[in-house]
Amino acid sequence: MTEGFDYGPKIRRLESRTSEMEFRTNSAEDDIESLKSKFGYVEDLDHELSDIRSDIRRVQGELDDLDGDVRGDIASIERIQKLLTGRIQVLEAHLLAAGGAPAADLDTIQTEWKQLAKSANAAAQTREDLLTDAQRATHLARIRAFENAVEQRDEHRAKVVEAARILAAAKRTSTAFQQATADFTTSRKAAETHAAHTDRAAAGAKDAQAALTRDETRRAMSASVIDKGDKAQRKLEWALRSRLADAIRDRALLPMWFVTALGPVAPAHKTQEWMDLATEVMSYRITYNVTDQVLALGPQPPAQGLRRDQWHQRLSAALKGWHEPFRVR
């Protein structure tokens, strides 16, 4: 880390030099313009002005380098502050242990909690069998594209019929006959084009409508399962959050699997995010009966791409953001 962080005097000196050189530049430019008006081109003054400008660029470069150094030092200080905060929290945990602080029990799972986790997991798995909002939007877009093509086709077909009616009644030499002739040709081509669009979009629209119909049927059949599971999830999260909050309030020692993932104590900043993530980790452990005392999420799930694997990956990524501040080096 760079020694010393008081760059104020140096910056002020450089700024003073820059201001002085800018003043000299302006004065020199005024002198040159005055002399040129009297004597024409003055080579020496132009050369002096070029030197002054070069000095200004050099000083500005020094200011830019200094600004980079200051920003780098600030970033280093912030990193060190995070590490020191983590070390202090670890030391606090050790002091609590030495002082006979109680151990937090986050591994004793009530039977009711297991039932709640089972119901919540069933709801999540059921929801995965339903179309996502993006998928439904894609199917709806295909249906709308087909309907628009049909509408345009029918509109131009109607224009063709109207033009044909005028052609049958109007005199060939009349303006109405000539206009109807042009309308008939234009509308017929447009109708044929949209008819082709309709034919191409028909199959996709039919499949999209069938997919939406199946999804609506599944949603109706699984509505009670999802509703029950969502309520169970909220109830479980509340129970787990309460147990964790009690442990923090009592300054109890958190289990090793918790400390390795989220640190020994709640952080002073982003506490709500920390609580939310900790609660979800506890919910994951209950849902899949994870009892590992070192790894918060247990081993990597063997089945790739399934709900547990996806949940494991998401939690693992979220926990990485909390590892660094608590790592003692």
Protein backbone atom coordinates (compact mmCIF):
# COMPACT_ATOMS: atom_id res chain seq x y z
CA MET A 1 0.00 0.00 0.00
CA THR A 2 1.31 3.51 -0.79
CA GLU A 3 2.63 5.28 2.30
CA GLY A 4 0.82 8.51 3.14
CA PHE A 5 -2.42 9.73 1.67
CA ASP A 6 -2.23 13.53 2.12
CA TYR A 7 -1.89 14.69 -1.47
CA GLY A 8 -3.54 18.05 -0.79
CA PRO A 9 -0.38 20.25 -0.83
CA LYS A 10 1.00 18.56 -3.93
CA ILE A 11 -2.28 18.90 -5.77
CA ARG A 12 -2.60 22.56 -4.78
CA ARG A 13 0.96 23.28 -6.02
CA LEU A 14 0.26 21.61 -9.36
CA GLU A 15 -3.04 23.46 -9.69
CA SER A 16 -1.25 26.73 -8.93
CA ARG A 17 1.36 26.00 -11.61
CA THR A 18 -1.38 25.16 -14.09
CA SER A 19 -3.23 28.40 -13.36
CA GLU A 20 -0.01 30.41 -13.68
CA MET A 21 0.84 28.78 -17.02
CA GLU A 22 -2.67 29.34 -18.31
CA PHE A 23 -2.35 33.01 -17.38
CA ARG A 24 1.01 33.21 -19.17
CA THR A 25 -0.49 31.51 -22.19
CA ASN A 26 -3.37 33.96 -22.39
CA SER A 27 -1.01 36.90 -21.94
CA ALA A 28 1.34 35.58 -24.60
CA GLU A 29 -1.50 35.05 -27.03
CA ASP A 30 -2.67 38.63 -26.45
CA ASP A 31 0.88 39.92 -27.01
CA ILE A 32 1.28 37.90 -30.19
CA GLU A 33 -2.00 39.13 -31.62
CA SER A 34 -1.02 42.71 -30.76
CA LEU A 35 2.45 42.39 -32.29
CA LYS A 36 1.16 40.58 -35.33
CA SER A 37 -1.20 43.43 -36.00
CA LYS A 38 1.76 45.78 -35.88
CA PHE A 39 4.72 43.80 -37.23
CA GLY A 40 3.29 40.65 -38.78
CA TYR A 41 4.46 37.14 -37.81
CA VAL A 42 6.63 36.99 -34.68
CA GLU A 43 8.42 33.62 -34.61
CA ASP A 44 10.00 33.92 -31.14
CA LEU A 45 6.73 34.59 -29.39
CA ASP A 46 5.09 31.69 -31.19
CA HIS A 47 7.91 29.44 -30.02
CA GLU A 48 7.54 30.67 -26.43
CA LEU A 49 3.82 30.06 -26.56
CA SER A 50 4.44 26.50 -27.77
CA ASP A 51 6.78 25.86 -24.83
CA ILE A 52 4.20 27.16 -22.37
CA ARG A 53 1.54 24.93 -23.82
CA SER A 54 3.88 21.96 -23.56
CA ASP A 55 4.46 22.76 -19.88
CA ILE A 56 0.71 22.91 -19.28
CA ARG A 57 0.21 19.49 -20.88
CA ARG A 58 3.00 18.04 -18.74
CA VAL A 59 1.48 19.44 -15.53
CA GLN A 60 -1.95 18.19 -16.51
CA GLY A 61 -0.45 14.75 -17.06
CA GLU A 62 1.06 14.86 -13.58
CA LEU A 63 -2.34 15.78 -12.17
CA ASP A 64 -3.94 12.83 -13.98
CA ASP A 65 -1.29 10.44 -12.63
CA LEU A 66 -1.78 11.81 -9.12
CA ASP A 67 -5.55 11.39 -9.41
CA GLY A 68 -5.04 7.75 -10.38
CA ASP A 69 -2.74 7.18 -7.41
CA VAL A 70 -5.28 8.72 -5.03
CA ARG A 71 -8.12 6.59 -6.40
CA GLY A 72 -5.98 3.45 -6.13
CA ASP A 73 -5.10 4.26 -2.52
CA ILE A 74 -8.76 4.82 -1.66
CA ALA A 75 -9.69 1.43 -3.17
CA SER A 76 -6.87 -0.20 -1.18
CA ILE A 77 -8.10 1.41 2.02
CA GLU A 78 -11.64 0.15 1.39
CA ARG A 79 -10.38 -3.41 0.86
CA ILE A 80 -8.27 -3.27 3.99
CA GLN A 81 -11.20 -1.88 5.95
CA LYS A 82 -13.36 -4.83 4.91
CA LEU A 83 -10.65 -7.30 5.91
CA LEU A 84 -10.14 -5.58 9.26
CA THR A 85 -13.90 -5.61 9.86
CA GLY A 86 -13.96 -9.34 9.20
CA ARG A 87 -11.03 -9.95 11.54
CA ILE A 88 -12.63 -7.90 14.29
CA GLN A 89 -15.83 -9.92 13.95
CA VAL A 90 -13.89 -13.18 14.11
CA LEU A 91 -12.08 -11.97 17.23
CA GLU A 92 -15.40 -10.99 18.76
CA ALA A 93 -16.67 -14.52 18.14
CA HIS A 94 -13.57 -16.00 19.79
CA LEU A 95 -14.03 -13.72 22.78
CA LEU A 96 -17.62 -14.85 23.08
CA ALA A 97 -16.49 -18.48 23.02
CA ALA A 98 -13.85 -17.80 25.65
CA GLY A 99 -16.47 -16.08 27.79
CA GLY A 100 -18.74 -19.09 27.78
CA ALA A 101 -21.29 -17.78 25.25
CA PRO A 102 -24.07 -20.26 24.41
CA ALA A 103 -24.02 -22.21 21.16
CA ALA A 104 -26.74 -21.37 18.65
CA ASP A 105 -28.86 -24.36 17.71
CA LEU A 106 -29.66 -24.02 14.03
CA ASP A 107 -29.63 -27.75 13.29
CA THR A 108 -32.48 -29.05 15.41
CA ILE A 109 -35.38 -29.13 12.99
CA GLN A 110 -38.95 -29.30 14.17
CA THR A 111 -41.26 -31.79 12.50
CA GLU A 112 -43.58 -28.98 11.46
CA TRP A 113 -40.73 -27.24 9.68
CA LYS A 114 -40.00 -30.35 7.63
CA GLN A 115 -43.63 -30.48 6.55
CA LEU A 116 -43.58 -26.80 5.63
CA ALA A 117 -40.38 -27.29 3.59
CA LYS A 118 -41.92 -30.30 1.84
CA SER A 119 -45.04 -28.33 0.92
CA ALA A 120 -42.99 -25.34 -0.26
CA ASN A 121 -40.76 -27.57 -2.38
CA ALA A 122 -43.79 -29.27 -3.94
CA ALA A 123 -45.17 -25.88 -4.91
CA ALA A 124 -41.85 -24.83 -6.44
CA GLN A 125 -41.59 -28.04 -8.46
CA THR A 126 -45.19 -27.69 -9.61
CA ARG A 127 -44.55 -24.11 -10.70
CA GLU A 128 -41.57 -25.29 -12.76
CA ASP A 129 -43.96 -27.41 -14.85
CA LEU A 130 -45.88 -24.27 -15.81
CA LEU A 131 -44.97 -21.88 -18.56
CA THR A 132 -42.94 -18.88 -17.51
CA ASP A 133 -44.18 -15.36 -18.19
CA ALA A 134 -41.66 -15.07 -21.03
CA GLN A 135 -42.85 -18.32 -22.61
CA ARG A 136 -46.49 -17.27 -22.37
CA ALA A 137 -45.62 -13.92 -23.93
CA THR A 138 -43.91 -15.70 -26.85
CA HIS A 139 -46.96 -17.90 -27.48
CA LEU A 140 -49.28 -14.91 -27.28
CA ALA A 141 -47.10 -13.02 -29.77
CA ARG A 142 -47.38 -15.90 -32.26
CA ILE A 143 -51.16 -15.92 -31.91
CA ARG A 144 -51.35 -12.14 -32.37
CA ALA A 145 -49.13 -12.34 -35.46
CA PHE A 146 -51.49 -14.89 -37.00
CA GLU A 147 -54.57 -12.85 -36.10
CA ASN A 148 -53.03 -9.70 -37.58
CA ALA A 149 -52.18 -11.54 -40.80
CA VAL A 150 -55.77 -12.83 -41.04
CA GLU A 151 -57.14 -9.35 -40.41
CA GLN A 152 -54.93 -7.80 -43.09
CA ARG A 153 -55.76 -10.57 -45.56
CA ASP A 154 -59.50 -10.16 -45.04
CA GLU A 155 -59.26 -6.37 -45.26
CA HIS A 156 -57.53 -6.49 -48.63
CA ARG A 157 -59.88 -9.19 -49.89
CA ALA A 158 -62.78 -6.89 -49.07
CA LYS A 159 -61.07 -4.13 -51.07
CA VAL A 160 -60.72 -6.52 -54.00
CA VAL A 161 -64.44 -7.32 -53.88
CA GLU A 162 -65.33 -3.62 -53.69
CA ALA A 163 -63.05 -2.81 -56.61
CA ALA A 164 -64.60 -5.64 -58.63
CA ARG A 165 -68.09 -4.29 -57.89
CA ILE A 166 -67.10 -0.85 -59.20
CA LEU A 167 -65.47 -2.32 -62.28
CA ALA A 168 -68.67 -4.22 -63.10
CA ALA A 169 -70.84 -1.10 -62.85
CA ALA A 170 -68.65 1.82 -64.03
CA LYS A 171 -67.87 2.87 -67.57
CA ARG A 172 -64.43 1.96 -68.82
CA THR A 173 -63.67 5.59 -69.63
CA SER A 174 -64.69 6.89 -66.21
CA THR A 175 -62.33 7.99 -63.46
CA ALA A 176 -64.02 5.55 -61.07
CA PHE A 177 -63.23 2.65 -63.41
CA GLN A 178 -59.57 3.65 -63.67
CA GLN A 179 -59.25 4.05 -59.89
CA ALA A 180 -60.97 0.73 -59.27
CA THR A 181 -58.60 -0.97 -61.71
CA ALA A 182 -55.59 0.30 -59.73
CA ASP A 183 -57.22 -0.62 -56.40
CA PHE A 184 -58.07 -4.10 -57.65
CA THR A 185 -54.48 -4.82 -58.68
CA THR A 186 -52.93 -3.39 -55.52
CA SER A 187 -55.38 -5.03 -53.11
CA ARG A 188 -55.17 -8.41 -54.83
CA LYS A 189 -51.38 -8.50 -54.45
CA ALA A 190 -51.63 -7.39 -50.82
CA ALA A 191 -54.29 -10.01 -50.12
CA GLU A 192 -52.12 -12.74 -51.64
CA THR A 193 -49.13 -11.61 -49.56
CA HIS A 194 -51.06 -11.62 -46.30
CA ALA A 195 -52.68 -14.91 -47.21
CA ALA A 196 -49.20 -16.42 -47.49
CA HIS A 197 -48.30 -14.91 -44.10
CA THR A 198 -51.45 -16.39 -42.66
CA ASP A 199 -50.62 -19.86 -43.97
CA ARG A 200 -47.10 -19.71 -42.54
CA ALA A 201 -48.28 -18.44 -39.13
CA ALA A 202 -51.24 -20.81 -38.81
CA ALA A 203 -49.30 -23.84 -37.56
CA GLY A 204 -47.30 -21.83 -35.02
CA ALA A 205 -50.44 -20.11 -33.75
CA LYS A 206 -52.22 -23.44 -33.39
CA ASP A 207 -49.33 -24.92 -31.38
CA ALA A 208 -49.09 -21.76 -29.27
CA GLN A 209 -52.79 -21.85 -28.46
CA ALA A 210 -52.57 -25.51 -27.53
CA ALA A 211 -49.61 -24.81 -25.22
CA LEU A 212 -51.47 -21.98 -23.51
CA THR A 213 -54.56 -24.13 -23.10
CA ARG A 214 -52.52 -26.92 -21.50
CA ASP A 215 -50.83 -24.39 -19.24
CA GLU A 216 -54.15 -22.93 -18.13
CA THR A 217 -55.39 -26.43 -17.31
CA ARG A 218 -52.26 -27.18 -15.27
CA ARG A 219 -52.55 -23.86 -13.44
CA ALA A 220 -56.15 -24.57 -12.50
CA MET A 221 -55.31 -28.06 -11.28
CA SER A 222 -52.22 -26.99 -9.31
CA ALA A 223 -53.52 -23.71 -7.92
CA SER A 224 -54.23 -25.17 -4.48
CA VAL A 225 -50.82 -26.88 -4.28
CA ILE A 226 -49.00 -23.68 -5.21
CA ASP A 227 -51.06 -21.53 -2.85
CA LYS A 228 -50.52 -23.95 0.04
CA GLY A 229 -46.80 -24.16 -0.72
CA ASP A 230 -46.36 -20.40 -0.92
CA LYS A 231 -48.02 -19.99 2.47
CA ALA A 232 -45.83 -22.75 3.89
CA GLN A 233 -42.72 -21.06 2.51
CA ARG A 234 -43.58 -17.76 4.18
CA LYS A 235 -44.33 -19.52 7.47
CA LEU A 236 -41.07 -21.46 7.34
CA GLU A 237 -39.02 -18.38 6.54
CA TRP A 238 -40.58 -16.54 9.47
CA ALA A 239 -39.77 -19.39 11.86
CA LEU A 240 -36.17 -19.68 10.66
CA ARG A 241 -35.64 -15.92 10.74
CA SER A 242 -36.96 -15.80 14.30
CA ARG A 243 -34.59 -18.55 15.45
CA LEU A 244 -31.62 -16.83 13.83
CA ALA A 245 -32.62 -13.45 15.24
CA ASP A 246 -32.84 -14.97 18.74
CA ALA A 247 -29.35 -16.42 18.37
CA ILE A 248 -27.94 -13.08 17.27
CA ARG A 249 -29.74 -11.28 20.08
CA ASP A 250 -28.29 -13.71 22.63
CA ARG A 251 -24.82 -13.33 21.06
CA ALA A 252 -24.72 -17.10 20.69
CA LEU A 253 -21.95 -18.89 18.80
CA LEU A 254 -23.19 -19.81 15.32
CA PRO A 255 -22.36 -23.29 13.95
CA MET A 256 -19.27 -23.83 11.81
CA TRP A 257 -21.23 -24.41 8.57
CA PHE A 258 -22.89 -21.03 9.09
CA VAL A 259 -19.65 -19.19 9.91
CA THR A 260 -17.79 -20.56 6.89
CA ALA A 261 -20.54 -19.28 4.59
CA LEU A 262 -21.82 -16.09 6.19
CA GLY A 263 -19.38 -15.14 8.92
CA PRO A 264 -19.53 -15.33 12.71
CA VAL A 265 -21.87 -12.36 13.25
CA ALA A 266 -24.32 -10.22 11.32
CA PRO A 267 -22.61 -7.43 9.37
CA ALA A 268 -23.17 -3.81 10.24
CA HIS A 269 -24.18 -3.01 6.64
CA LYS A 270 -26.59 -4.88 4.36
CA THR A 271 -27.92 -6.69 7.40
CA GLN A 272 -31.30 -7.34 5.78
CA GLU A 273 -29.68 -8.98 2.74
CA TRP A 274 -27.56 -11.08 5.07
CA MET A 275 -30.62 -12.22 7.03
CA ASP A 276 -32.54 -13.07 3.84
CA LEU A 277 -29.68 -15.15 2.46
CA ALA A 278 -29.04 -16.90 5.78
CA THR A 279 -32.72 -17.79 6.07
CA GLU A 280 -32.74 -19.22 2.55
CA VAL A 281 -29.63 -21.31 3.26
CA MET A 282 -31.34 -22.74 6.36
CA SER A 283 -34.45 -23.47 4.27
CA TYR A 284 -32.29 -25.29 1.69
CA ARG A 285 -30.71 -27.44 4.41
CA ILE A 286 -34.11 -28.41 5.79
CA THR A 287 -35.60 -29.10 2.34
CA TYR A 288 -32.82 -31.51 1.34
CA ASN A 289 -31.90 -32.78 4.81
CA VAL A 290 -28.37 -31.35 4.67
CA THR A 291 -26.48 -32.16 7.89
CA ASP A 292 -22.92 -31.29 6.85
CA GLN A 293 -21.29 -29.36 9.70
CA VAL A 294 -18.72 -27.60 7.50
CA LEU A 295 -20.39 -26.96 4.16
CA ALA A 296 -23.53 -24.86 4.46
CA LEU A 297 -25.08 -26.33 1.33
CA GLY A 298 -23.53 -29.76 1.56
CA PRO A 299 -22.01 -31.46 -1.52
CA GLN A 300 -22.83 -30.52 -5.10
CA PRO A 301 -26.11 -32.22 -6.13
CA PRO A 302 -25.49 -35.11 -8.57
CA ALA A 303 -28.42 -34.32 -10.87
CA GLN A 304 -27.55 -31.34 -13.06
CA GLY A 305 -30.24 -28.90 -14.18
CA LEU A 306 -32.90 -29.98 -11.69
CA ARG A 307 -34.41 -27.69 -9.05
CA ARG A 308 -31.96 -28.65 -6.30
CA ASP A 309 -28.95 -28.15 -8.54
CA GLN A 310 -30.20 -24.76 -9.74
CA TRP A 311 -30.96 -23.66 -6.18
CA HIS A 312 -27.52 -24.85 -5.04
CA GLN A 313 -25.79 -22.90 -7.81
CA ARG A 314 -27.73 -19.72 -7.08
CA LEU A 315 -27.04 -19.86 -3.34
CA SER A 316 -23.36 -20.67 -3.94
CA ALA A 317 -23.03 -17.60 -6.14
CA ALA A 318 -24.80 -15.42 -3.58
CA LEU A 319 -22.60 -16.69 -0.73
CA LYS A 320 -19.41 -15.75 -2.57
CA GLY A 321 -20.21 -12.12 -1.91
CA TRP A 322 -20.06 -12.76 1.83
CA HIS A 323 -16.89 -14.90 1.98
CA GLU A 324 -14.18 -12.30 1.47
CA PRO A 325 -14.87 -9.96 4.41
CA PHE A 326 -14.61 -12.83 6.90
CA ARG A 327 -11.53 -14.55 5.58
CA VAL A 328 -8.56 -14.16 7.94
CA ARG A 329 -5.23 -13.94 6.19
